[in-house]
C-alpha atoms as a PDB file:
ATOM      1  CA  MET A   1      52.398 -14.721 -22.317  1.00  0.00           C
ATOM      2  CA  LEU A   2      52.794 -18.059 -24.099  1.00  0.00           C
ATOM      3  CA  ARG A   3      55.292 -18.345 -26.904  1.00  0.00           C
ATOM      4  CA  ASP A   4      54.461 -19.615 -30.390  1.00  0.00           C
ATOM      5  CA  SER A   5      56.250 -22.891 -29.589  1.00  0.00           C
ATOM      6  CA  ASP A   6      54.479 -23.783 -26.363  1.00  0.00           C
ATOM      7  CA  GLY A   7      52.781 -26.833 -27.931  1.00  0.00           C
ATOM      8  CA  PRO A   8      49.641 -28.266 -26.305  1.00  0.00           C
ATOM      9  CA  GLY A   9      49.636 -25.467 -23.749  1.00  0.00           C
ATOM     10  CA  LEU A  10      49.342 -22.906 -26.500  1.00  0.00           C
ATOM     11  CA  ARG A  11      46.492 -24.818 -28.142  1.00  0.00           C
ATOM     12  CA  GLU A  12      44.493 -24.767 -24.901  1.00  0.00           C
ATOM     13  CA  TYR A  13      45.330 -21.104 -24.423  1.00  0.00           C
ATOM     14  CA  LEU A  14      44.044 -20.289 -27.906  1.00  0.00           C
ATOM     15  CA  ILE A  15      40.826 -22.225 -27.283  1.00  0.00           C
ATOM     16  CA  ALA A  16      40.322 -20.451 -23.958  1.00  0.00           C
ATOM     17  CA  THR A  17      40.961 -17.080 -25.592  1.00  0.00           C
ATOM     18  CA  ALA A  18      38.446 -17.739 -28.375  1.00  0.00           C
ATOM     19  CA  ALA A  19      35.894 -19.096 -25.885  1.00  0.00           C
ATOM     20  CA  ARG A  20      36.231 -15.975 -23.758  1.00  0.00           C
ATOM     21  CA  MET A  21      35.712 -13.792 -26.824  1.00  0.00           C
ATOM     22  CA  ILE A  22      32.593 -15.744 -27.759  1.00  0.00           C
ATOM     23  CA  GLY A  23      31.246 -15.194 -24.262  1.00  0.00           C
ATOM     24  CA  GLN A  24      32.020 -11.476 -24.343  1.00  0.00           C
ATOM     25  CA  ARG A  25      31.063 -10.486 -27.890  1.00  0.00           C
ATOM     26  CA  GLY A  26      29.345 -13.488 -29.456  1.00  0.00           C
ATOM     27  CA  SER A  27      30.547 -15.551 -32.373  1.00  0.00           C
ATOM     28  CA  ALA A  28      29.174 -13.472 -35.264  1.00  0.00           C
ATOM     29  CA  GLY A  29      31.994 -12.041 -37.343  1.00  0.00           C
ATOM     30  CA  LEU A  30      34.708 -13.537 -35.130  1.00  0.00           C
ATOM     31  CA  THR A  31      37.813 -14.049 -37.278  1.00  0.00           C
ATOM     32  CA  VAL A  32      41.106 -15.867 -36.925  1.00  0.00           C
ATOM     33  CA  ARG A  33      42.844 -12.494 -36.942  1.00  0.00           C
ATOM     34  CA  ASP A  34      40.672 -11.298 -34.045  1.00  0.00           C
ATOM     35  CA  ILE A  35      41.565 -14.357 -31.999  1.00  0.00           C
ATOM     36  CA  ALA A  36      45.261 -14.187 -32.853  1.00  0.00           C
ATOM     37  CA  SER A  37      45.369 -10.516 -31.919  1.00  0.00           C
ATOM     38  CA  GLU A  38      43.660 -11.143 -28.585  1.00  0.00           C
ATOM     39  CA  ALA A  39      46.034 -14.059 -27.886  1.00  0.00           C
ATOM     40  CA  HIS A  40      49.086 -11.980 -28.929  1.00  0.00           C
ATOM     41  CA  VAL A  41      50.275 -14.488 -31.548  1.00  0.00           C
ATOM     42  CA  SER A  42      50.663 -14.296 -35.298  1.00  0.00           C
ATOM     43  CA  ASP A  43      47.739 -15.409 -37.463  1.00  0.00           C
ATOM     44  CA  GLY A  44      49.662 -18.343 -38.904  1.00  0.00           C
ATOM     45  CA  VAL A  45      50.316 -19.833 -35.478  1.00  0.00           C
ATOM     46  CA  LEU A  46      46.678 -20.862 -35.132  1.00  0.00           C
ATOM     47  CA  TYR A  47      46.941 -23.167 -38.127  1.00  0.00           C
ATOM     48  CA  ASN A  48      49.779 -25.040 -36.438  1.00  0.00           C
ATOM     49  CA  TYR A  49      47.290 -26.268 -33.826  1.00  0.00           C
ATOM     50  CA  PHE A  50      43.956 -26.426 -35.683  1.00  0.00           C
ATOM     51  CA  GLU A  51      42.957 -27.944 -38.990  1.00  0.00           C
ATOM     52  CA  ASP A  52      41.168 -24.773 -40.024  1.00  0.00           C
ATOM     53  CA  LYS A  53      39.053 -21.929 -38.698  1.00  0.00           C
ATOM     54  CA  GLU A  54      36.077 -24.261 -38.232  1.00  0.00           C
ATOM     55  CA  ASP A  55      38.135 -26.526 -35.980  1.00  0.00           C
ATOM     56  CA  LEU A  56      39.167 -23.570 -33.811  1.00  0.00           C
ATOM     57  CA  LEU A  57      35.672 -22.068 -33.545  1.00  0.00           C
ATOM     58  CA  ALA A  58      34.042 -25.422 -32.817  1.00  0.00           C
ATOM     59  CA  SER A  59      36.592 -26.121 -30.077  1.00  0.00           C
ATOM     60  CA  ALA A  60      36.018 -22.659 -28.619  1.00  0.00           C
ATOM     61  CA  LEU A  61      32.228 -23.084 -28.753  1.00  0.00           C
ATOM     62  CA  LEU A  62      32.504 -26.366 -26.864  1.00  0.00           C
ATOM     63  CA  ALA A  63      34.724 -24.705 -24.251  1.00  0.00           C
ATOM     64  CA  HIS A  64      32.336 -21.760 -23.927  1.00  0.00           C
ATOM     65  CA  ILE A  65      29.357 -24.026 -23.297  1.00  0.00           C
ATOM     66  CA  GLY A  66      31.373 -26.029 -20.788  1.00  0.00           C
ATOM     67  CA  ALA A  67      32.236 -22.830 -18.935  1.00  0.00           C
ATOM     68  CA  VAL A  68      28.580 -21.746 -18.839  1.00  0.00           C
ATOM     69  CA  MET A  69      27.389 -25.151 -17.650  1.00  0.00           C
ATOM     70  CA  SER A  70      30.083 -25.286 -14.943  1.00  0.00           C
ATOM     71  CA  VAL A  71      28.556 -22.298 -13.159  1.00  0.00           C
ATOM     72  CA  ALA A  72      24.906 -23.258 -13.711  1.00  0.00           C
ATOM     73  CA  PRO A  73      22.920 -23.884 -10.514  1.00  0.00           C
ATOM     74  CA  PRO A  74      23.005 -27.589  -9.569  1.00  0.00           C
ATOM     75  CA  MET A  75      19.859 -29.669  -9.792  1.00  0.00           C
ATOM     76  CA  PRO A  76      18.409 -30.322  -6.315  1.00  0.00           C
ATOM     77  CA  GLU A  77      18.885 -33.830  -4.980  1.00  0.00           C
ATOM     78  CA  PRO A  78      15.999 -36.179  -5.798  1.00  0.00           C
ATOM     79  CA  GLY A  79      13.753 -36.661  -2.790  1.00  0.00           C
ATOM     80  CA  THR A  80      14.381 -33.175  -1.387  1.00  0.00           C
ATOM     81  CA  GLY A  81      11.970 -30.251  -1.516  1.00  0.00           C
ATOM     82  CA  THR A  82       9.022 -30.765  -3.848  1.00  0.00           C
ATOM     83  CA  VAL A  83       9.090 -31.928  -7.452  1.00  0.00           C
ATOM     84  CA  ALA A  84       7.312 -28.766  -8.587  1.00  0.00           C
ATOM     85  CA  GLY A  85       9.678 -26.532  -6.635  1.00  0.00           C
ATOM     86  CA  ASN A  86      12.744 -28.329  -7.956  1.00  0.00           C
ATOM     87  CA  LEU A  87      11.469 -28.089 -11.524  1.00  0.00           C
ATOM     88  CA  ALA A  88      10.873 -24.360 -11.089  1.00  0.00           C
ATOM     89  CA  LEU A  89      14.506 -23.947 -10.017  1.00  0.00           C
ATOM     90  CA  PHE A  90      15.658 -25.997 -13.000  1.00  0.00           C
ATOM     91  CA  ILE A  91      13.567 -23.951 -15.431  1.00  0.00           C
ATOM     92  CA  GLU A  92      14.864 -20.665 -14.034  1.00  0.00           C
ATOM     93  CA  GLY A  93      18.435 -21.896 -14.307  1.00  0.00           C
ATOM     94  CA  GLY A  94      17.811 -23.352 -17.754  1.00  0.00           C
ATOM     95  CA  LEU A  95      16.475 -20.051 -19.053  1.00  0.00           C
ATOM     96  CA  ALA A  96      19.549 -18.231 -17.760  1.00  0.00           C
ATOM     97  CA  THR A  97      21.931 -20.859 -19.144  1.00  0.00           C
ATOM     98  CA  LEU A  98      20.367 -20.944 -22.592  1.00  0.00           C
ATOM     99  CA  ALA A  99      20.298 -17.150 -22.730  1.00  0.00           C
ATOM    100  CA  ARG A 100      24.096 -17.214 -22.373  1.00  0.00           C
ATOM    101  CA  VAL A 101      24.640 -20.080 -24.832  1.00  0.00           C
ATOM    102  CA  ALA A 102      22.162 -19.262 -27.602  1.00  0.00           C
ATOM    103  CA  PRO A 103      23.895 -16.112 -28.927  1.00  0.00           C
ATOM    104  CA  ALA A 104      26.989 -18.153 -29.728  1.00  0.00           C
ATOM    105  CA  PHE A 105      24.956 -20.518 -31.895  1.00  0.00           C
ATOM    106  CA  ALA A 106      22.932 -17.711 -33.482  1.00  0.00           C
ATOM    107  CA  GLY A 107      26.155 -16.094 -34.664  1.00  0.00           C
ATOM    108  CA  LEU A 108      27.208 -19.308 -36.401  1.00  0.00           C
ATOM    109  CA  VAL A 109      24.023 -20.044 -38.354  1.00  0.00           C
ATOM    110  CA  SER A 110      25.779 -18.917 -41.527  1.00  0.00           C
ATOM    111  CA  GLN A 111      28.695 -21.275 -40.821  1.00  0.00           C
ATOM    112  CA  PRO A 112      27.193 -24.793 -40.860  1.00  0.00           C
ATOM    113  CA  GLY A 113      30.655 -26.328 -41.016  1.00  0.00           C
ATOM    114  CA  VAL A 114      31.423 -25.020 -37.523  1.00  0.00           C
ATOM    115  CA  LEU A 115      28.138 -26.362 -36.155  1.00  0.00           C
ATOM    116  CA  THR A 116      28.705 -29.744 -37.799  1.00  0.00           C
ATOM    117  CA  ARG A 117      32.191 -29.942 -36.293  1.00  0.00           C
ATOM    118  CA  PHE A 118      30.839 -28.918 -32.884  1.00  0.00           C
ATOM    119  CA  HIS A 119      28.098 -31.550 -33.093  1.00  0.00           C
ATOM    120  CA  ALA A 120      30.723 -34.236 -33.616  1.00  0.00           C
ATOM    121  CA  MET A 121      32.989 -32.917 -30.850  1.00  0.00           C
ATOM    122  CA  ALA A 122      30.100 -32.860 -28.382  1.00  0.00           C
ATOM    123  CA  GLY A 123      29.326 -36.525 -29.020  1.00  0.00           C
ATOM    124  CA  GLY A 124      26.889 -36.469 -31.918  1.00  0.00           C
ATOM    125  CA  ASP A 125      23.189 -37.200 -31.605  1.00  0.00           C
ATOM    126  CA  ALA A 126      23.692 -39.165 -28.378  1.00  0.00           C
ATOM    127  CA  ALA A 127      24.879 -36.023 -26.589  1.00  0.00           C
ATOM    128  CA  PHE A 128      21.639 -34.193 -27.338  1.00  0.00           C
ATOM    129  CA  GLY A 129      19.203 -37.015 -26.549  1.00  0.00           C
ATOM    130  CA  VAL A 130      17.735 -38.308 -23.304  1.00  0.00           C
ATOM    131  CA  ALA A 131      16.799 -41.873 -24.196  1.00  0.00           C
ATOM    132  CA  ASP A 132      19.416 -43.589 -22.018  1.00  0.00           C
ATOM    133  CA  THR A 133      19.470 -41.312 -18.982  1.00  0.00           C
ATOM    134  CA  GLY A 134      17.017 -43.412 -17.023  1.00  0.00           C
ATOM    135  CA  ARG A 135      19.439 -46.339 -16.918  1.00  0.00           C
ATOM    136  CA  ARG A 136      21.940 -44.499 -14.730  1.00  0.00           C
ATOM    137  CA  PRO A 137      22.111 -45.266 -11.027  1.00  0.00           C
ATOM    138  CA  GLY A 138      21.693 -42.549  -8.449  1.00  0.00           C
ATOM    139  CA  GLY A 139      20.526 -39.261  -9.899  1.00  0.00           C
ATOM    140  CA  GLY A 140      22.302 -36.695  -7.760  1.00  0.00           C
ATOM    141  CA  SER A 141      23.324 -33.162  -8.579  1.00  0.00           C
ATOM    142  CA  ASP A 142      26.782 -33.818 -10.083  1.00  0.00           C
ATOM    143  CA  HIS A 143      26.058 -33.410 -13.794  1.00  0.00           C
ATOM    144  CA  ARG A 144      29.374 -32.088 -15.091  1.00  0.00           C
ATOM    145  CA  GLY A 145      29.602 -32.556 -18.835  1.00  0.00           C
ATOM    146  CA  GLU A 146      25.857 -33.127 -19.291  1.00  0.00           C
ATOM    147  CA  GLY A 147      23.415 -30.926 -21.170  1.00  0.00           C
ATOM    148  CA  LEU A 148      20.097 -29.650 -19.853  1.00  0.00           C
ATOM    149  CA  PRO A 149      17.972 -32.524 -21.269  1.00  0.00           C
ATOM    150  CA  ALA A 150      20.171 -35.191 -19.680  1.00  0.00           C
ATOM    151  CA  ILE A 151      20.303 -33.381 -16.335  1.00  0.00           C
ATOM    152  CA  LEU A 152      16.519 -33.052 -16.226  1.00  0.00           C
ATOM    153  CA  ALA A 153      15.769 -36.588 -17.374  1.00  0.00           C
ATOM    154  CA  THR A 154      18.205 -38.080 -14.863  1.00  0.00           C
ATOM    155  CA  TYR A 155      16.506 -36.139 -12.070  1.00  0.00           C
ATOM    156  CA  LEU A 156      12.985 -37.123 -13.157  1.00  0.00           C
ATOM    157  CA  HIS A 157      13.908 -40.809 -13.449  1.00  0.00           C
ATOM    158  CA  ALA A 158      15.361 -40.690  -9.931  1.00  0.00           C
ATOM    159  CA  GLU A 159      12.166 -39.096  -8.567  1.00  0.00           C
ATOM    160  CA  GLN A 160      10.140 -41.754 -10.348  1.00  0.00           C
ATOM    161  CA  ARG A 161      12.168 -44.489  -8.662  1.00  0.00           C
ATOM    162  CA  LEU A 162      11.486 -42.791  -5.316  1.00  0.00           C
ATOM    163  CA  GLY A 163       7.755 -42.839  -6.013  1.00  0.00           C
ATOM    164  CA  ARG A 164       7.340 -39.056  -6.154  1.00  0.00           C
ATOM    165  CA  ILE A 165       6.465 -39.261  -9.873  1.00  0.00           C
ATOM    166  CA  GLY A 166       3.823 -41.645 -11.152  1.00  0.00           C
ATOM    167  CA  PRO A 167       5.162 -44.968 -12.508  1.00  0.00           C
ATOM    168  CA  ALA A 168       3.328 -44.590 -15.813  1.00  0.00           C
ATOM    169  CA  VAL A 169       4.710 -41.110 -16.568  1.00  0.00           C
ATOM    170  CA  ASP A 170       6.768 -40.886 -19.774  1.00  0.00           C
ATOM    171  CA  ILE A 171       9.921 -39.149 -18.541  1.00  0.00           C
ATOM    172  CA  ASN A 172      11.287 -38.466 -22.010  1.00  0.00           C
ATOM    173  CA  ALA A 173       8.025 -36.771 -22.991  1.00  0.00           C
ATOM    174  CA  ALA A 174       8.047 -34.676 -19.822  1.00  0.00           C
ATOM    175  CA  THR A 175      11.657 -33.703 -20.484  1.00  0.00           C
ATOM    176  CA  ALA A 176      10.809 -32.684 -24.046  1.00  0.00           C
ATOM    177  CA  LEU A 177       7.931 -30.508 -22.810  1.00  0.00           C
ATOM    178  CA  ILE A 178      10.076 -28.650 -20.279  1.00  0.00           C
ATOM    179  CA  ILE A 179      13.150 -28.232 -22.483  1.00  0.00           C
ATOM    180  CA  GLY A 180      10.934 -27.158 -25.374  1.00  0.00           C
ATOM    181  CA  ALA A 181       9.328 -24.488 -23.194  1.00  0.00           C
ATOM    182  CA  ILE A 182      12.772 -23.172 -22.210  1.00  0.00           C
ATOM    183  CA  HIS A 183      13.888 -23.086 -25.838  1.00  0.00           C
ATOM    184  CA  GLY A 184      10.657 -21.372 -26.848  1.00  0.00           C
ATOM    185  CA  GLN A 185      11.340 -18.494 -24.487  1.00  0.00           C
ATOM    186  CA  VAL A 186      14.938 -17.925 -25.609  1.00  0.00           C
ATOM    187  CA  LEU A 187      15.627 -19.085 -29.165  1.00  0.00           C
ATOM    188  CA  PRO A 188      13.123 -16.967 -31.137  1.00  0.00           C
ATOM    189  CA  ARG A 189      14.368 -13.804 -29.455  1.00  0.00           C
ATOM    190  CA  MET A 190      18.015 -14.691 -30.079  1.00  0.00           C
ATOM    191  CA  LEU A 191      17.477 -15.729 -33.695  1.00  0.00           C
ATOM    192  CA  PHE A 192      15.108 -12.995 -34.823  1.00  0.00           C
ATOM    193  CA  SER A 193      15.839 -10.120 -32.434  1.00  0.00           C
ATOM    194  CA  PRO A 194      19.474 -10.586 -31.398  1.00  0.00           C
ATOM    195  CA  GLN A 195      19.837  -6.900 -30.539  1.00  0.00           C
ATOM    196  CA  ALA A 196      17.091  -7.192 -27.919  1.00  0.00           C
ATOM    197  CA  GLY A 197      19.547  -8.825 -25.547  1.00  0.00           C
ATOM    198  CA  GLN A 198      18.739 -11.215 -22.733  1.00  0.00           C
ATOM    199  CA  ALA A 199      15.248 -10.023 -21.877  1.00  0.00           C
ATOM    200  CA  ALA A 200      13.834 -11.608 -18.745  1.00  0.00           C
ATOM    201  CA  ALA A 201      11.170 -14.282 -18.996  1.00  0.00           C
ATOM    202  CA  PRO A 202       7.663 -13.303 -17.842  1.00  0.00           C
ATOM    203  CA  PRO A 203       7.493 -13.089 -14.035  1.00  0.00           C
ATOM    204  CA  GLY A 204       6.525 -16.362 -12.411  1.00  0.00           C
ATOM    205  CA  LEU A 205       6.787 -18.333 -15.657  1.00  0.00           C
ATOM    206  CA  ALA A 206       9.122 -20.979 -14.216  1.00  0.00           C
ATOM    207  CA  GLY A 207       6.785 -21.702 -11.331  1.00  0.00           C
ATOM    208  CA  ARG A 208       3.698 -21.843 -13.545  1.00  0.00           C
ATOM    209  CA  LEU A 209       5.374 -24.209 -15.988  1.00  0.00           C
ATOM    210  CA  ALA A 210       6.557 -26.435 -13.168  1.00  0.00           C
ATOM    211  CA  GLU A 211       3.097 -26.560 -11.574  1.00  0.00           C
ATOM    212  CA  THR A 212       1.407 -27.343 -14.888  1.00  0.00           C
ATOM    213  CA  VAL A 213       3.789 -30.157 -15.767  1.00  0.00           C
ATOM    214  CA  THR A 214       3.741 -31.601 -12.256  1.00  0.00           C
ATOM    215  CA  PHE A 215       0.014 -31.492 -11.601  1.00  0.00           C
ATOM    216  CA  GLY A 216      -1.294 -31.759 -15.161  1.00  0.00           C
ATOM    217  CA  LEU A 217      -4.189 -30.231 -17.028  1.00  0.00           C
ATOM    218  CA  GLY A 218      -6.961 -32.064 -15.185  1.00  0.00           C
ATOM    219  CA  PRO A 219      -9.724 -30.498 -13.087  1.00  0.00           C
ATOM    220  CA  PRO A 220      -8.852 -28.830  -9.765  1.00  0.00           C
ATOM    221  CA  PRO A 221      -9.032 -30.875  -6.541  1.00  0.00           C
ATOM    222  CA  ALA A 222     -12.541 -31.756  -5.365  1.00  0.00           C
ATOM    223  CA  ARG A 223     -14.175 -29.246  -3.059  1.00  0.00           C
ATOM    224  CA  ALA A 224     -14.599 -30.106   0.591  1.00  0.00           C
ATOM    225  CA  GLN A 225     -18.103 -30.590   2.013  1.00  0.00           C
ATOM    226  CA  SER A 226     -18.042 -27.042   3.338  1.00  0.00           C
ATOM    227  CA  GLY A 227     -18.051 -25.855  -0.249  1.00  0.00           C
ATOM    228  CA  ARG A 228     -14.579 -24.352   0.021  1.00  0.00           C
ATOM    229  CA  ALA A 229     -11.793 -25.555  -2.207  1.00  0.00           C
ATOM    230  CA  SER A 230      -9.715 -28.228  -0.543  1.00  0.00           C
ATOM    231  CA  ASP A 231      -5.980 -28.057  -1.277  1.00  0.00           C
ATOM    232  CA  PRO A 232      -4.167 -31.208  -0.103  1.00  0.00           C
ATOM    233  CA  GLY A 233      -0.806 -29.493  -0.534  1.00  0.00           C
ATOM    234  CA  PRO A 234       2.124 -30.378  -2.805  1.00  0.00           C
ATOM    235  CA  ALA A 235       2.317 -33.975  -1.611  1.00  0.00           C
ATOM    236  CA  GLY A 236      -1.259 -34.850  -2.499  1.00  0.00           C
ATOM    237  CA  ARG A 237      -2.378 -32.316  -5.076  1.00  0.00           C
ATOM    238  CA  GLY A 238      -1.505 -34.554  -8.006  1.00  0.00           C
ATOM    239  CA  GLN A 239      -3.075 -37.784  -6.773  1.00  0.00           C
ATOM    240  CA  ASN A 240      -5.369 -39.418  -9.358  1.00  0.00           C
ATOM    241  CA  GLN A 241      -4.820 -36.513 -11.721  1.00  0.00           C
ATOM    242  CA  PRO A 242      -2.838 -36.061 -14.902  1.00  0.00           C
ATOM    243  CA  GLY A 243       0.721 -34.745 -14.636  1.00  0.00           C
ATOM    244  CA  LEU A 244       4.038 -35.992 -13.322  1.00  0.00           C
ATOM    245  CA  GLN A 245       2.618 -36.982  -9.944  1.00  0.00           C
ATOM    246  CA  GLY A 246      -0.428 -38.649 -11.454  1.00  0.00           C
ATOM    247  CA  ASP A 247      -1.639 -41.710  -9.581  1.00  0.00           C
ATOM    248  CA  THR A 248       1.291 -42.890  -7.483  1.00  0.00           C
ATOM    249  CA  SER A 249      -0.687 -45.635  -5.786  1.00  0.00           C
END
């Protein structure tokens, strides 16, 4: 057990303890006394390492989200599999990730000071936007420290450079559509029915969302001369149609 005088090591230990408690029980009603008791230190020790309770909770929230993101499934490498299949994997992982993160935020709605402090610690507005992600080289699966919007936008930009997404597609708009759909499945339940727990998304939702975004809302592929529907497969299904694949010619 760390002693009260263990300096920076004790600060990190206190953050890790609070982050673990947020992951286990949520942030609602979490007090300095609870954290001190779990860490086996006196209440006053926490104020030797943090400006106030908001500083401690915001630091713990940031650590909790980092821990969740560190075990999230990696985004497939651009150019592998199919765009629709990769997006389905991302959506499934995004739903699971947000379901673990959202309760922590829901429990802090009544403490705007903590959320404001967290927003600054995370990097401000730039950390939650996607406007600059397309300027990065590469686009592989190492996204440590990035949020879901940045991970998705980086992947989509890389696929666009490879020609698997139409050149005229607005990547930021596509990212907003997908991230918004993920949020729409998780946030209302967490905010308005927190006791309902992490209910599963409707079966097949991730795949249906991915197909719709990838291939658009246009008419189905033209029928073959035999009168039977002709399906050109994932590589050609989006040609000359709305959606991410669009007209890649």
